[in-house]
């Protein structure tokens, strides 16, 4: 599957956070998160393993009891079933891979 950048099909799971699955296969999906300063991604968990990369901005990522101040170029891996949340410190863009595919994020 090939993805050509466009502004269609963004989802808004919470205020100030938009996401879009860029492409996906049988076992993984690639998602872009566009996050506005001052917003929070509430604590949650899901069965998907999640690997992320911060393209721009700054976020505070909390994984269980660990807090990480992240900047551009930082990356993370969150196992499935682990509670995590984020506070958006600056307007930010992150790219994340989910396995298995996050079907709830598909267009």
Protein backbone atom coordinates (compact mmCIF):
# COMPACT_ATOMS: atom_id res chain seq x y z
CA UNK A 1 0.00 0.00 0.00
CA UNK A 2 1.28 3.47 -0.90
CA UNK A 3 0.27 6.65 0.90
CA UNK A 4 0.36 10.09 -0.73
CA UNK A 5 0.21 12.95 1.81
CA UNK A 6 -3.14 14.72 2.02
CA UNK A 7 -5.33 16.33 4.67
CA UNK A 8 -8.27 13.89 4.44
CA UNK A 9 -9.53 11.35 7.00
CA UNK A 10 -8.13 12.73 10.26
CA UNK A 11 -9.87 11.50 13.42
CA UNK A 12 -10.23 13.60 16.58
CA UNK A 13 -10.23 11.20 19.54
CA UNK A 14 -9.84 14.07 22.07
CA UNK A 15 -9.67 17.87 21.89
CA UNK A 16 -6.44 19.12 20.34
CA UNK A 17 -5.28 15.74 19.06
CA UNK A 18 -5.84 14.54 15.50
CA UNK A 19 -4.68 11.23 14.11
CA UNK A 20 -4.57 9.55 10.76
CA UNK A 21 -3.51 6.08 9.70
CA UNK A 22 -1.08 6.72 6.86
CA UNK A 23 -0.73 3.14 5.68
CA UNK A 24 -1.19 -0.37 7.03
CA UNK A 25 -0.55 -3.98 6.22
CA UNK A 26 -1.69 -7.32 7.54
CA UNK A 27 0.13 -6.98 10.89
CA UNK A 28 1.10 -3.31 11.45
CA UNK A 29 -0.26 0.19 10.95
CA UNK A 30 1.52 3.55 10.68
CA UNK A 31 -0.27 6.53 12.23
CA UNK A 32 0.45 10.26 12.35
CA UNK A 33 -0.56 12.24 15.45
CA UNK A 34 -0.91 16.04 15.23
CA UNK A 35 -1.13 17.45 18.76
CA UNK A 36 -1.81 20.99 19.92
CA UNK A 37 0.00 22.58 22.86
CA UNK A 38 -1.87 22.50 26.18
CA UNK A 39 -3.90 19.36 25.49
CA UNK A 40 -3.69 15.94 27.12
CA UNK A 41 -4.08 12.41 25.87
CA UNK A 42 -5.81 10.75 28.86
CA UNK A 43 -4.39 7.61 30.45
CA UNK A 44 -5.43 4.53 28.48
CA UNK A 45 -4.25 1.10 27.43
CA UNK A 46 -4.84 -1.20 24.49
CA UNK A 47 -3.63 -4.64 23.39
CA UNK A 48 -1.43 -3.17 20.62
CA UNK A 49 2.34 -2.82 20.90
CA UNK A 50 3.16 0.80 20.03
CA UNK A 51 6.43 2.24 18.75
CA UNK A 52 6.63 6.02 18.39
CA UNK A 53 8.94 8.74 17.07
CA UNK A 54 8.56 12.46 17.84
CA UNK A 55 9.04 14.39 14.60
CA UNK A 56 8.56 17.87 16.08
CA UNK A 57 7.51 19.62 19.28
CA UNK A 58 7.71 18.45 22.89
CA UNK A 59 5.48 16.10 24.87
CA UNK A 60 5.57 14.62 28.35
CA UNK A 61 4.91 10.90 27.95
CA UNK A 62 3.88 8.87 30.99
CA UNK A 63 4.20 5.08 30.74
CA UNK A 64 2.92 3.40 33.90
CA UNK A 65 4.86 5.31 36.61
CA UNK A 66 7.70 6.57 34.39
CA UNK A 67 7.59 10.13 33.00
CA UNK A 68 9.64 11.05 29.92
CA UNK A 69 10.18 14.58 28.58
CA UNK A 70 10.48 14.02 24.83
CA UNK A 71 11.83 16.21 22.06
CA UNK A 72 12.32 15.84 18.31
CA UNK A 73 14.11 12.62 17.42
CA UNK A 74 13.15 10.78 20.63
CA UNK A 75 11.41 7.42 20.31
CA UNK A 76 9.60 4.91 22.53
CA UNK A 77 8.10 1.45 22.63
CA UNK A 78 5.04 0.74 24.77
CA UNK A 79 4.03 -2.92 25.18
CA UNK A 80 0.39 -3.89 24.74
CA UNK A 81 -1.72 -3.68 27.89
CA UNK A 82 0.42 -0.96 29.52
CA UNK A 83 -1.28 2.25 30.73
CA UNK A 84 0.11 5.45 29.18
CA UNK A 85 -0.79 9.12 28.66
CA UNK A 86 0.70 12.32 27.25
CA UNK A 87 0.72 16.04 27.96
CA UNK A 88 1.39 18.21 24.93
CA UNK A 89 3.98 20.85 25.88
CA UNK A 90 4.40 22.34 22.37
CA UNK A 91 2.55 21.79 19.10
CA UNK A 92 3.86 18.36 18.11
CA UNK A 93 3.82 15.69 15.44
CA UNK A 94 4.50 12.04 16.24
CA UNK A 95 4.57 8.96 14.04
CA UNK A 96 3.57 5.66 15.64
CA UNK A 97 3.48 2.05 14.54
CA UNK A 98 0.91 -0.31 16.05
CA UNK A 99 0.91 -4.10 15.99
CA UNK A 100 -1.52 -5.62 15.38
CA UNK A 101 -3.25 -3.08 13.14
CA UNK A 102 -5.35 -0.47 14.99
CA UNK A 103 -8.57 -1.20 13.12
CA UNK A 104 -10.33 1.54 15.09
CA UNK A 105 -7.96 4.06 13.43
CA UNK A 106 -8.59 2.96 9.84
CA UNK A 107 -10.48 5.33 7.52
